[in-house]
Amino acid sequence: MDIYHIWCDLKHGQRDTEFVDHLNAYFDYLKREAALVNYRVMRKKLGLAPAELLEFHIMLEFENLTALDATFNHVANRKDPVESFHHAVNGRVSNVKFALYRDFPDPVRASGEEKF
C-alpha cells in the first residue's frame, strides 16, 4: 500500500466541520470514481505534535503508484464534478505539506540476497 500524507492548517475563518464535510465528499467521490482505497482525516489532539506537523493530518491509501497516478490524473483533468470537490477543499487550507510512504517491507521484497 502506498500512503499519501497531507498536513495542513485551515485558512482564517474556515469552519473545521465544514472542511471535514467537504473532505469526506471529495474522498468518497475518489473512492467511487478513481483508485483511492481508503482515507483517514485526523486532527492534532491537545497540541501534541511537533510545530512543523500542522493541525490536520490526512492519509490517502492506494494499492500502488499506478493507482495513485491514475487518481492524480483524474483530479488533474479539472472538469466537474472533481474540480468542484477539489476547490471546496483546497480553497480552505493553508500551509500544506505532503509526503509519500509505503508499507514496509514491500510485498515483492526478497530477503537474504542483499549485497549491502
PDB file of N, CA and C in Angstrom:
ATOM      1  N   MET A   1       0.851  -1.173   0.000  1.00  0.00           N
ATOM      2  CA  MET A   1       0.000   0.000   0.000  1.00  0.00           C
ATOM      3  C   MET A   1       0.897   1.237   0.000  1.00  0.00           C
ATOM      4  N   ASP A   2       0.593   2.187  -0.864  1.00  0.00           N
ATOM      5  CA  ASP A   2       1.269   3.481  -0.870  1.00  0.00           C
ATOM      6  C   ASP A   2       0.342   4.472  -0.181  1.00  0.00           C
ATOM      7  N   ILE A   3       0.892   5.229   0.756  1.00  0.00           N
ATOM      8  CA  ILE A   3       0.080   6.137   1.557  1.00  0.00           C
ATOM      9  C   ILE A   3       0.569   7.561   1.351  1.00  0.00           C
ATOM     10  N   TYR A   4      -0.315   8.380   0.819  1.00  0.00           N
ATOM     11  CA  TYR A   4      -0.039   9.788   0.545  1.00  0.00           C
ATOM     12  C   TYR A   4      -0.516  10.584   1.753  1.00  0.00           C
ATOM     13  N   HIS A   5       0.414  11.267   2.405  1.00  0.00           N
ATOM     14  CA  HIS A   5       0.116  12.030   3.614  1.00  0.00           C
ATOM     15  C   HIS A   5      -0.008  13.510   3.275  1.00  0.00           C
ATOM     16  N   ILE A   6      -0.958  14.147   3.902  1.00  0.00           N
ATOM     17  CA  ILE A   6      -1.158  15.588   3.745  1.00  0.00           C
ATOM     18  C   ILE A   6      -1.301  16.191   5.135  1.00  0.00           C
ATOM     19  N   TRP A   7      -0.547  17.242   5.402  1.00  0.00           N
ATOM     20  CA  TRP A   7      -0.721  18.020   6.626  1.00  0.00           C
ATOM     21  C   TRP A   7      -1.134  19.421   6.207  1.00  0.00           C
ATOM     22  N   CYS A   8      -2.056  20.019   6.949  1.00  0.00           N
ATOM     23  CA  CYS A   8      -2.486  21.368   6.595  1.00  0.00           C
ATOM     24  C   CYS A   8      -3.111  22.062   7.793  1.00  0.00           C
ATOM     25  N   ASP A   9      -3.190  23.365   7.669  1.00  0.00           N
ATOM     26  CA  ASP A   9      -3.956  24.202   8.582  1.00  0.00           C
ATOM     27  C   ASP A   9      -5.159  24.719   7.811  1.00  0.00           C
ATOM     28  N   LEU A  10      -6.133  25.237   8.525  1.00  0.00           N
ATOM     29  CA  LEU A  10      -7.263  25.890   7.878  1.00  0.00           C
ATOM     30  C   LEU A  10      -6.962  27.373   7.726  1.00  0.00           C
ATOM     31  N   LYS A  11      -7.428  27.947   6.638  1.00  0.00           N
ATOM     32  CA  LYS A  11      -7.343  29.394   6.484  1.00  0.00           C
ATOM     33  C   LYS A  11      -8.194  30.050   7.560  1.00  0.00           C
ATOM     34  N   HIS A  12      -7.815  31.260   7.929  1.00  0.00           N
ATOM     35  CA  HIS A  12      -8.546  32.012   8.943  1.00  0.00           C
ATOM     36  C   HIS A  12     -10.023  32.112   8.553  1.00  0.00           C
ATOM     37  N   GLY A  13     -10.885  31.842   9.515  1.00  0.00           N
ATOM     38  CA  GLY A  13     -12.321  31.972   9.302  1.00  0.00           C
ATOM     39  C   GLY A  13     -13.009  30.726   8.769  1.00  0.00           C
ATOM     40  N   GLN A  14     -12.246  29.692   8.460  1.00  0.00           N
ATOM     41  CA  GLN A  14     -12.853  28.450   7.966  1.00  0.00           C
ATOM     42  C   GLN A  14     -13.342  27.595   9.132  1.00  0.00           C
ATOM     43  N   ARG A  15     -14.481  26.974   8.948  1.00  0.00           N
ATOM     44  CA  ARG A  15     -15.060  26.117   9.992  1.00  0.00           C
ATOM     45  C   ARG A  15     -14.530  24.697   9.836  1.00  0.00           C
ATOM     46  N   ASP A  16     -14.051  24.135  10.936  1.00  0.00           N
ATOM     47  CA  ASP A  16     -13.455  22.807  10.895  1.00  0.00           C
ATOM     48  C   ASP A  16     -14.425  21.728  10.418  1.00  0.00           C
ATOM     49  N   THR A  17     -15.657  21.751  10.892  1.00  0.00           N
ATOM     50  CA  THR A  17     -16.605  20.707  10.495  1.00  0.00           C
ATOM     51  C   THR A  17     -17.018  20.836   9.029  1.00  0.00           C
ATOM     52  N   GLU A  18     -17.110  22.054   8.520  1.00  0.00           N
ATOM     53  CA  GLU A  18     -17.397  22.242   7.093  1.00  0.00           C
ATOM     54  C   GLU A  18     -16.259  21.693   6.247  1.00  0.00           C
ATOM     55  N   PHE A  19     -15.037  21.978   6.671  1.00  0.00           N
ATOM     56  CA  PHE A  19     -13.859  21.468   5.973  1.00  0.00           C
ATOM     57  C   PHE A  19     -13.906  19.945   5.893  1.00  0.00           C
ATOM     58  N   VAL A  20     -14.174  19.298   7.006  1.00  0.00           N
ATOM     59  CA  VAL A  20     -14.195  17.836   7.033  1.00  0.00           C
ATOM     60  C   VAL A  20     -15.362  17.294   6.205  1.00  0.00           C
ATOM     61  N   ASP A  21     -16.491  17.962   6.221  1.00  0.00           N
ATOM     62  CA  ASP A  21     -17.613  17.540   5.361  1.00  0.00           C
ATOM     63  C   ASP A  21     -17.199  17.557   3.892  1.00  0.00           C
ATOM     64  N   HIS A  22     -16.493  18.606   3.478  1.00  0.00           N
ATOM     65  CA  HIS A  22     -16.027  18.697   2.091  1.00  0.00           C
ATOM     66  C   HIS A  22     -14.961  17.645   1.790  1.00  0.00           C
ATOM     67  N   LEU A  23     -14.060  17.391   2.751  1.00  0.00           N
ATOM     68  CA  LEU A  23     -13.060  16.327   2.570  1.00  0.00           C
ATOM     69  C   LEU A  23     -13.738  14.989   2.354  1.00  0.00           C
ATOM     70  N   ASN A  24     -14.700  14.667   3.208  1.00  0.00           N
ATOM     71  CA  ASN A  24     -15.396  13.381   3.093  1.00  0.00           C
ATOM     72  C   ASN A  24     -16.096  13.253   1.743  1.00  0.00           C
ATOM     73  N   ALA A  25     -16.757  14.308   1.289  1.00  0.00           N
ATOM     74  CA  ALA A  25     -17.434  14.262  -0.011  1.00  0.00           C
ATOM     75  C   ALA A  25     -16.418  14.036  -1.141  1.00  0.00           C
ATOM     76  N   TYR A  26     -15.294  14.741  -1.072  1.00  0.00           N
ATOM     77  CA  TYR A  26     -14.251  14.633  -2.096  1.00  0.00           C
ATOM     78  C   TYR A  26     -13.651  13.231  -2.127  1.00  0.00           C
ATOM     79  N   PHE A  27     -13.241  12.747  -0.974  1.00  0.00           N
ATOM     80  CA  PHE A  27     -12.567  11.453  -0.944  1.00  0.00           C
ATOM     81  C   PHE A  27     -13.528  10.292  -1.160  1.00  0.00           C
ATOM     82  N   ASP A  28     -14.773  10.417  -0.733  1.00  0.00           N
ATOM     83  CA  ASP A  28     -15.759   9.384  -1.063  1.00  0.00           C
ATOM     84  C   ASP A  28     -15.966   9.324  -2.579  1.00  0.00           C
ATOM     85  N   TYR A  29     -15.977  10.484  -3.219  1.00  0.00           N
ATOM     86  CA  TYR A  29     -16.058  10.542  -4.681  1.00  0.00           C
ATOM     87  C   TYR A  29     -14.857   9.826  -5.312  1.00  0.00           C
ATOM     88  N   LEU A  30     -13.635  10.098  -4.821  1.00  0.00           N
ATOM     89  CA  LEU A  30     -12.437   9.468  -5.378  1.00  0.00           C
ATOM     90  C   LEU A  30     -12.415   7.967  -5.130  1.00  0.00           C
ATOM     91  N   LYS A  31     -13.031   7.517  -4.053  1.00  0.00           N
ATOM     92  CA  LYS A  31     -13.145   6.076  -3.826  1.00  0.00           C
ATOM     93  C   LYS A  31     -14.077   5.445  -4.867  1.00  0.00           C
ATOM     94  N   ARG A  32     -15.142   6.141  -5.222  1.00  0.00           N
ATOM     95  CA  ARG A  32     -16.100   5.617  -6.206  1.00  0.00           C
ATOM     96  C   ARG A  32     -15.584   5.730  -7.639  1.00  0.00           C
ATOM     97  N   GLU A  33     -14.954   6.860  -7.964  1.00  0.00           N
ATOM     98  CA  GLU A  33     -14.657   7.185  -9.358  1.00  0.00           C
ATOM     99  C   GLU A  33     -13.196   7.029  -9.763  1.00  0.00           C
ATOM    100  N   ALA A  34     -12.305   6.861  -8.808  1.00  0.00           N
ATOM    101  CA  ALA A  34     -10.881   6.751  -9.121  1.00  0.00           C
ATOM    102  C   ALA A  34     -10.315   5.541  -8.381  1.00  0.00           C
ATOM    103  N   ALA A  35      -9.078   5.610  -7.956  1.00  0.00           N
ATOM    104  CA  ALA A  35      -8.410   4.439  -7.382  1.00  0.00           C
ATOM    105  C   ALA A  35      -8.041   4.609  -5.915  1.00  0.00           C
ATOM    106  N   LEU A  36      -8.683   5.547  -5.228  1.00  0.00           N
ATOM    107  CA  LEU A  36      -8.441   5.702  -3.793  1.00  0.00           C
ATOM    108  C   LEU A  36      -9.060   4.513  -3.068  1.00  0.00           C
ATOM    109  N   VAL A  37      -8.271   3.839  -2.227  1.00  0.00           N
ATOM    110  CA  VAL A  37      -8.757   2.676  -1.488  1.00  0.00           C
ATOM    111  C   VAL A  37      -9.433   3.106  -0.194  1.00  0.00           C
ATOM    112  N   ASN A  38      -8.763   3.961   0.543  1.00  0.00           N
ATOM    113  CA  ASN A  38      -9.293   4.401   1.834  1.00  0.00           C
ATOM    114  C   ASN A  38      -8.609   5.706   2.228  1.00  0.00           C
ATOM    115  N   TYR A  39      -9.174   6.364   3.223  1.00  0.00           N
ATOM    116  CA  TYR A  39      -8.580   7.599   3.725  1.00  0.00           C
ATOM    117  C   TYR A  39      -8.903   7.760   5.205  1.00  0.00           C
ATOM    118  N   ARG A  40      -8.092   8.584   5.845  1.00  0.00           N
ATOM    119  CA  ARG A  40      -8.315   8.959   7.242  1.00  0.00           C
ATOM    120  C   ARG A  40      -8.090  10.457   7.367  1.00  0.00           C
ATOM    121  N   VAL A  41      -8.905  11.088   8.189  1.00  0.00           N
ATOM    122  CA  VAL A  41      -8.751  12.507   8.498  1.00  0.00           C
ATOM    123  C   VAL A  41      -8.530  12.599   9.998  1.00  0.00           C
ATOM    124  N   MET A  42      -7.411  13.202  10.385  1.00  0.00           N
ATOM    125  CA  MET A  42      -7.068  13.313  11.802  1.00  0.00           C
ATOM    126  C   MET A  42      -6.734  14.761  12.140  1.00  0.00           C
ATOM    127  N   ARG A  43      -6.879  15.071  13.411  1.00  0.00           N
ATOM    128  CA  ARG A  43      -6.567  16.414  13.892  1.00  0.00           C
ATOM    129  C   ARG A  43      -5.703  16.305  15.142  1.00  0.00           C
ATOM    130  N   LYS A  44      -4.780  17.247  15.283  1.00  0.00           N
ATOM    131  CA  LYS A  44      -3.935  17.280  16.484  1.00  0.00           C
ATOM    132  C   LYS A  44      -4.805  17.212  17.728  1.00  0.00           C
ATOM    133  N   LYS A  45      -4.332  16.474  18.684  1.00  0.00           N
ATOM    134  CA  LYS A  45      -5.043  16.391  19.956  1.00  0.00           C
ATOM    135  C   LYS A  45      -4.174  17.024  21.031  1.00  0.00           C
ATOM    136  N   LEU A  46      -4.755  17.960  21.732  1.00  0.00           N
ATOM    137  CA  LEU A  46      -4.074  18.660  22.831  1.00  0.00           C
ATOM    138  C   LEU A  46      -2.788  19.349  22.369  1.00  0.00           C
ATOM    139  N   GLY A  47      -2.683  19.623  21.058  1.00  0.00           N
ATOM    140  CA  GLY A  47      -1.492  20.286  20.539  1.00  0.00           C
ATOM    141  C   GLY A  47      -0.249  19.423  20.587  1.00  0.00           C
ATOM    142  N   LEU A  48      -0.427  18.116  20.749  1.00  0.00           N
ATOM    143  CA  LEU A  48       0.716  17.212  20.909  1.00  0.00           C
ATOM    144  C   LEU A  48       1.265  16.766  19.554  1.00  0.00           C
ATOM    145  N   ALA A  49       2.121  17.582  19.016  1.00  0.00           N
ATOM    146  CA  ALA A  49       2.828  17.270  17.773  1.00  0.00           C
ATOM    147  C   ALA A  49       3.909  18.325  17.577  1.00  0.00           C
ATOM    148  N   PRO A  50       4.962  17.983  16.855  1.00  0.00           N
ATOM    149  CA  PRO A  50       5.952  18.996  16.541  1.00  0.00           C
ATOM    150  C   PRO A  50       5.304  20.139  15.749  1.00  0.00           C
ATOM    151  N   ALA A  51       5.814  21.328  15.898  1.00  0.00           N
ATOM    152  CA  ALA A  51       5.244  22.516  15.253  1.00  0.00           C
ATOM    153  C   ALA A  51       5.168  22.374  13.734  1.00  0.00           C
ATOM    154  N   GLU A  52       6.139  21.653  13.144  1.00  0.00           N
ATOM    155  CA  GLU A  52       6.126  21.518  11.680  1.00  0.00           C
ATOM    156  C   GLU A  52       5.026  20.570  11.185  1.00  0.00           C
ATOM    157  N   LEU A  53       4.425  19.800  12.092  1.00  0.00           N
ATOM    158  CA  LEU A  53       3.267  18.975  11.722  1.00  0.00           C
ATOM    159  C   LEU A  53       2.024  19.789  12.038  1.00  0.00           C
ATOM    160  N   LEU A  54       1.261  20.071  11.037  1.00  0.00           N
ATOM    161  CA  LEU A  54       0.196  21.060  11.106  1.00  0.00           C
ATOM    162  C   LEU A  54      -1.055  20.500  11.778  1.00  0.00           C
ATOM    163  N   GLU A  55      -2.113  21.285  11.820  1.00  0.00           N
ATOM    164  CA  GLU A  55      -3.326  20.955  12.582  1.00  0.00           C
ATOM    165  C   GLU A  55      -4.003  19.667  12.110  1.00  0.00           C
ATOM    166  N   PHE A  56      -4.145  19.511  10.800  1.00  0.00           N
ATOM    167  CA  PHE A  56      -4.822  18.337  10.251  1.00  0.00           C
ATOM    168  C   PHE A  56      -3.823  17.420   9.566  1.00  0.00           C
ATOM    169  N   HIS A  57      -4.060  16.116   9.691  1.00  0.00           N
ATOM    170  CA  HIS A  57      -3.256  15.094   9.023  1.00  0.00           C
ATOM    171  C   HIS A  57      -4.229  14.180   8.282  1.00  0.00           C
ATOM    172  N   ILE A  58      -4.007  14.048   6.985  1.00  0.00           N
ATOM    173  CA  ILE A  58      -4.884  13.255   6.129  1.00  0.00           C
ATOM    174  C   ILE A  58      -4.033  12.175   5.472  1.00  0.00           C
ATOM    175  N   MET A  59      -4.542  10.960   5.469  1.00  0.00           N
ATOM    176  CA  MET A  59      -3.836   9.837   4.844  1.00  0.00           C
ATOM    177  C   MET A  59      -4.711   9.251   3.740  1.00  0.00           C
ATOM    178  N   LEU A  60      -4.146   9.145   2.547  1.00  0.00           N
ATOM    179  CA  LEU A  60      -4.844   8.557   1.405  1.00  0.00           C
ATOM    180  C   LEU A  60      -4.129   7.265   1.020  1.00  0.00           C
ATOM    181  N   GLU A  61      -4.854   6.165   0.980  1.00  0.00           N
ATOM    182  CA  GLU A  61      -4.264   4.861   0.705  1.00  0.00           C
ATOM    183  C   GLU A  61      -4.551   4.425  -0.735  1.00  0.00           C
ATOM    184  N   PHE A  62      -3.485   3.978  -1.410  1.00  0.00           N
ATOM    185  CA  PHE A  62      -3.571   3.488  -2.775  1.00  0.00           C
ATOM    186  C   PHE A  62      -2.877   2.130  -2.863  1.00  0.00           C
ATOM    187  N   GLU A  63      -3.384   1.270  -3.725  1.00  0.00           N
ATOM    188  CA  GLU A  63      -2.780  -0.061  -3.886  1.00  0.00           C
ATOM    189  C   GLU A  63      -1.325   0.019  -4.331  1.00  0.00           C
ATOM    190  N   ASN A  64      -1.029   1.007  -5.199  1.00  0.00           N
ATOM    191  CA  ASN A  64       0.320   1.131  -5.749  1.00  0.00           C
ATOM    192  C   ASN A  64       0.455   2.513  -6.396  1.00  0.00           C
ATOM    193  N   LEU A  65       1.632   2.791  -6.935  1.00  0.00           N
ATOM    194  CA  LEU A  65       1.863   4.096  -7.555  1.00  0.00           C
ATOM    195  C   LEU A  65       1.053   4.292  -8.831  1.00  0.00           C
ATOM    196  N   THR A  66       0.732   3.218  -9.511  1.00  0.00           N
ATOM    197  CA  THR A  66      -0.108   3.323 -10.701  1.00  0.00           C
ATOM    198  C   THR A  66      -1.494   3.837 -10.318  1.00  0.00           C
ATOM    199  N   ALA A  67      -2.052   3.333  -9.218  1.00  0.00           N
ATOM    200  CA  ALA A  67      -3.361   3.781  -8.739  1.00  0.00           C
ATOM    201  C   ALA A  67      -3.295   5.236  -8.278  1.00  0.00           C
ATOM    202  N   LEU A  68      -2.215   5.599  -7.602  1.00  0.00           N
ATOM    203  CA  LEU A  68      -2.036   6.986  -7.174  1.00  0.00           C
ATOM    204  C   LEU A  68      -1.971   7.908  -8.392  1.00  0.00           C
ATOM    205  N   ASP A  69      -1.193   7.514  -9.380  1.00  0.00           N
ATOM    206  CA  ASP A  69      -1.061   8.322 -10.588  1.00  0.00           C
ATOM    207  C   ASP A  69      -2.398   8.439 -11.330  1.00  0.00           C
ATOM    208  N   ALA A  70      -3.152   7.360 -11.404  1.00  0.00           N
ATOM    209  CA  ALA A  70      -4.458   7.393 -12.066  1.00  0.00           C
ATOM    210  C   ALA A  70      -5.400   8.357 -11.352  1.00  0.00           C
ATOM    211  N   THR A  71      -5.360   8.353 -10.043  1.00  0.00           N
ATOM    212  CA  THR A  71      -6.213   9.260  -9.273  1.00  0.00           C
ATOM    213  C   THR A  71      -5.770  10.708  -9.475  1.00  0.00           C
ATOM    214  N   PHE A  72      -4.467  10.956  -9.447  1.00  0.00           N
ATOM    215  CA  PHE A  72      -3.964  12.314  -9.697  1.00  0.00           C
ATOM    216  C   PHE A  72      -4.378  12.779 -11.091  1.00  0.00           C
ATOM    217  N   ASN A  73      -4.308  11.895 -12.079  1.00  0.00           N
ATOM    218  CA  ASN A  73      -4.721  12.263 -13.431  1.00  0.00           C
ATOM    219  C   ASN A  73      -6.214  12.561 -13.494  1.00  0.00           C
ATOM    220  N   HIS A  74      -7.005  11.814 -12.745  1.00  0.00           N
ATOM    221  CA  HIS A  74      -8.448  12.064 -12.703  1.00  0.00           C
ATOM    222  C   HIS A  74      -8.722  13.468 -12.154  1.00  0.00           C
ATOM    223  N   VAL A  75      -8.022  13.830 -11.092  1.00  0.00           N
ATOM    224  CA  VAL A  75      -8.196  15.159 -10.489  1.00  0.00           C
ATOM    225  C   VAL A  75      -7.646  16.242 -11.417  1.00  0.00           C
ATOM    226  N   ALA A  76      -6.546  15.942 -12.095  1.00  0.00           N
ATOM    227  CA  ALA A  76      -5.879  16.935 -12.946  1.00  0.00           C
ATOM    228  C   ALA A  76      -6.687  17.320 -14.179  1.00  0.00           C
ATOM    229  N   ASN A  77      -7.718  16.563 -14.516  1.00  0.00           N
ATOM    230  CA  ASN A  77      -8.495  16.943 -15.694  1.00  0.00           C
ATOM    231  C   ASN A  77      -9.281  18.237 -15.471  1.00  0.00           C
ATOM    232  N   ARG A  78      -9.458  18.614 -14.192  1.00  0.00           N
ATOM    233  CA  ARG A  78     -10.050  19.900 -13.806  1.00  0.00           C
ATOM    234  C   ARG A  78     -11.479  20.087 -14.319  1.00  0.00           C
ATOM    235  N   LYS A  79     -12.173  18.986 -14.571  1.00  0.00           N
ATOM    236  CA  LYS A  79     -13.564  19.051 -15.015  1.00  0.00           C
ATOM    237  C   LYS A  79     -14.477  18.716 -13.845  1.00  0.00           C
ATOM    238  N   ASP A  80     -15.663  19.282 -13.865  1.00  0.00           N
ATOM    239  CA  ASP A  80     -16.643  18.918 -12.849  1.00  0.00           C
ATOM    240  C   ASP A  80     -17.121  17.487 -13.085  1.00  0.00           C
ATOM    241  N   PRO A  81     -17.399  16.766 -12.006  1.00  0.00           N
ATOM    242  CA  PRO A  81     -17.564  17.247 -10.643  1.00  0.00           C
ATOM    243  C   PRO A  81     -16.277  17.292  -9.811  1.00  0.00           C
ATOM    244  N   VAL A  82     -15.194  16.648 -10.273  1.00  0.00           N
ATOM    245  CA  VAL A  82     -13.996  16.563  -9.443  1.00  0.00           C
ATOM    246  C   VAL A  82     -13.406  17.943  -9.151  1.00  0.00           C
ATOM    247  N   GLU A  83     -13.500  18.872 -10.092  1.00  0.00           N
ATOM    248  CA  GLU A  83     -12.944  20.208  -9.862  1.00  0.00           C
ATOM    249  C   GLU A  83     -13.662  20.917  -8.726  1.00  0.00           C
ATOM    250  N   SER A  84     -14.967  20.769  -8.636  1.00  0.00           N
ATOM    251  CA  SER A  84     -15.724  21.400  -7.545  1.00  0.00           C
ATOM    252  C   SER A  84     -15.370  20.788  -6.198  1.00  0.00           C
ATOM    253  N   PHE A  85     -15.218  19.456  -6.156  1.00  0.00           N
ATOM    254  CA  PHE A  85     -14.802  18.802  -4.911  1.00  0.00           C
ATOM    255  C   PHE A  85     -13.425  19.300  -4.483  1.00  0.00           C
ATOM    256  N   HIS A  86     -12.494  19.344  -5.441  1.00  0.00           N
ATOM    257  CA  HIS A  86     -11.126  19.775  -5.142  1.00  0.00           C
ATOM    258  C   HIS A  86     -11.101  21.225  -4.656  1.00  0.00           C
ATOM    259  N   HIS A  87     -11.819  22.089  -5.345  1.00  0.00           N
ATOM    260  CA  HIS A  87     -11.850  23.504  -4.972  1.00  0.00           C
ATOM    261  C   HIS A  87     -12.452  23.699  -3.575  1.00  0.00           C
ATOM    262  N   ALA A  88     -13.481  22.943  -3.238  1.00  0.00           N
ATOM    263  CA  ALA A  88     -14.137  23.071  -1.928  1.00  0.00           C
ATOM    264  C   ALA A  88     -13.195  22.715  -0.779  1.00  0.00           C
ATOM    265  N   VAL A  89     -12.214  21.876  -1.048  1.00  0.00           N
ATOM    266  CA  VAL A  89     -11.223  21.514  -0.025  1.00  0.00           C
ATOM    267  C   VAL A  89     -10.012  22.440  -0.113  1.00  0.00           C
ATOM    268  N   ASN A  90      -9.433  22.537  -1.289  1.00  0.00           N
ATOM    269  CA  ASN A  90      -8.197  23.295  -1.481  1.00  0.00           C
ATOM    270  C   ASN A  90      -8.344  24.770  -1.112  1.00  0.00           C
ATOM    271  N   GLY A  91      -9.512  25.335  -1.328  1.00  0.00           N
ATOM    272  CA  GLY A  91      -9.734  26.737  -1.022  1.00  0.00           C
ATOM    273  C   GLY A  91      -9.830  27.047   0.466  1.00  0.00           C
ATOM    274  N   ARG A  92      -9.849  26.018   1.304  1.00  0.00           N
ATOM    275  CA  ARG A  92      -9.997  26.209   2.748  1.00  0.00           C
ATOM    276  C   ARG A  92      -8.699  26.008   3.535  1.00  0.00           C
ATOM    277  N   VAL A  93      -7.634  25.593   2.870  1.00  0.00           N
ATOM    278  CA  VAL A  93      -6.431  25.211   3.602  1.00  0.00           C
ATOM    279  C   VAL A  93      -5.248  26.131   3.309  1.00  0.00           C
ATOM    280  N   SER A  94      -4.299  26.097   4.241  1.00  0.00           N
ATOM    281  CA  SER A  94      -3.035  26.812   4.071  1.00  0.00           C
ATOM    282  C   SER A  94      -1.920  25.950   4.649  1.00  0.00           C
ATOM    283  N   ASN A  95      -0.689  26.357   4.382  1.00  0.00           N
ATOM    284  CA  ASN A  95       0.486  25.677   4.937  1.00  0.00           C
ATOM    285  C   ASN A  95       0.470  24.175   4.671  1.00  0.00           C
ATOM    286  N   VAL A  96       0.246  23.797   3.451  1.00  0.00           N
ATOM    287  CA  VAL A  96       0.100  22.381   3.110  1.00  0.00           C
ATOM    288  C   VAL A  96       1.466  21.725   2.915  1.00  0.00           C
ATOM    289  N   LYS A  97       1.600  20.514   3.463  1.00  0.00           N
ATOM    290  CA  LYS A  97       2.808  19.701   3.290  1.00  0.00           C
ATOM    291  C   LYS A  97       2.381  18.302   2.872  1.00  0.00           C
ATOM    292  N   PHE A  98       3.217  17.657   2.062  1.00  0.00           N
ATOM    293  CA  PHE A  98       2.892  16.337   1.535  1.00  0.00           C
ATOM    294  C   PHE A  98       4.052  15.375   1.754  1.00  0.00           C
ATOM    295  N   ALA A  99       3.714  14.091   1.821  1.00  0.00           N
ATOM    296  CA  ALA A  99       4.732  13.036   1.889  1.00  0.00           C
ATOM    297  C   ALA A  99       4.129  11.764   1.310  1.00  0.00           C
ATOM    298  N   LEU A 100       4.996  10.899   0.802  1.00  0.00           N
ATOM    299  CA  LEU A 100       4.562   9.617   0.278  1.00  0.00           C
ATOM    300  C   LEU A 100       5.338   8.522   0.999  1.00  0.00           C
ATOM    301  N   TYR A 101       4.603   7.617   1.619  1.00  0.00           N
ATOM    302  CA  TYR A 101       5.193   6.485   2.337  1.00  0.00           C
ATOM    303  C   TYR A 101       4.607   5.202   1.770  1.00  0.00           C
ATOM    304  N   ARG A 102       5.221   4.078   2.122  1.00  0.00           N
ATOM    305  CA  ARG A 102       4.725   2.776   1.691  1.00  0.00           C
ATOM    306  C   ARG A 102       4.783   1.800   2.860  1.00  0.00           C
ATOM    307  N   ASP A 103       3.974   0.757   2.765  1.00  0.00           N
ATOM    308  CA  ASP A 103       4.103  -0.329   3.729  1.00  0.00           C
ATOM    309  C   ASP A 103       5.474  -0.956   3.532  1.00  0.00           C
ATOM    310  N   PHE A 104       6.060  -1.401   4.621  1.00  0.00           N
ATOM    311  CA  PHE A 104       7.399  -1.974   4.536  1.00  0.00           C
ATOM    312  C   PHE A 104       7.471  -3.220   5.398  1.00  0.00           C
ATOM    313  N   PRO A 105       8.088  -4.265   4.935  1.00  0.00           N
ATOM    314  CA  PRO A 105       8.765  -4.367   3.646  1.00  0.00           C
ATOM    315  C   PRO A 105       7.758  -4.525   2.506  1.00  0.00           C
ATOM    316  N   ASP A 106       8.206  -4.143   1.325  1.00  0.00           N
ATOM    317  CA  ASP A 106       7.365  -4.292   0.140  1.00  0.00           C
ATOM    318  C   ASP A 106       7.048  -5.772  -0.064  1.00  0.00           C
ATOM    319  N   PRO A 107       5.844  -6.085  -0.566  1.00  0.00           N
ATOM    320  CA  PRO A 107       5.497  -7.489  -0.775  1.00  0.00           C
ATOM    321  C   PRO A 107       6.403  -8.204  -1.779  1.00  0.00           C
ATOM    322  N   VAL A 108       7.060  -7.470  -2.664  1.00  0.00           N
ATOM    323  CA  VAL A 108       7.943  -8.086  -3.660  1.00  0.00           C
ATOM    324  C   VAL A 108       9.369  -8.267  -3.140  1.00  0.00           C
ATOM    325  N   ARG A 109       9.631  -7.820  -1.953  1.00  0.00           N
ATOM    326  CA  ARG A 109      10.991  -7.827  -1.410  1.00  0.00           C
ATOM    327  C   ARG A 109      11.444  -9.241  -1.063  1.00  0.00           C
ATOM    328  N   ALA A 110      12.586  -9.623  -1.642  1.00  0.00           N
ATOM    329  CA  ALA A 110      13.246 -10.880  -1.272  1.00  0.00           C
ATOM    330  C   ALA A 110      14.196 -10.590  -0.135  1.00  0.00           C
ATOM    331  N   SER A 111      14.423 -11.553   0.693  1.00  0.00           N
ATOM    332  CA  SER A 111      15.312 -11.354   1.840  1.00  0.00           C
ATOM    333  C   SER A 111      16.435 -12.378   1.810  1.00  0.00           C
ATOM    334  N   GLY A 112      17.611 -11.929   2.188  1.00  0.00           N
ATOM    335  CA  GLY A 112      18.753 -12.839   2.296  1.00  0.00           C
ATOM    336  C   GLY A 112      19.755 -12.731   1.167  1.00  0.00           C
ATOM    337  N   GLU A 113      19.430 -12.062   0.094  1.00  0.00           N
ATOM    338  CA  GLU A 113      20.355 -11.950  -1.028  1.00  0.00           C
ATOM    339  C   GLU A 113      20.882 -10.532  -1.214  1.00  0.00           C
ATOM    340  N   GLU A 114      20.591  -9.641  -0.252  1.00  0.00           N
ATOM    341  CA  GLU A 114      21.052  -8.262  -0.366  1.00  0.00           C
ATOM    342  C   GLU A 114      22.572  -8.220  -0.352  1.00  0.00           C
ATOM    343  N   LYS A 115      23.137  -7.308  -1.102  1.00  0.00           N
ATOM    344  CA  LYS A 115      24.590  -7.178  -1.217  1.00  0.00           C
ATOM    345  C   LYS A 115      25.123  -5.966  -0.460  1.00  0.00           C
ATOM    346  N   PHE A 116      24.364  -5.454   0.487  1.00  0.00           N
ATOM    347  CA  PHE A 116      24.836  -4.312   1.245  1.00  0.00           C
ATOM    348  C   PHE A 116      24.754  -4.584   2.712  1.00  0.00           C
TER     349      PHE A 116
END
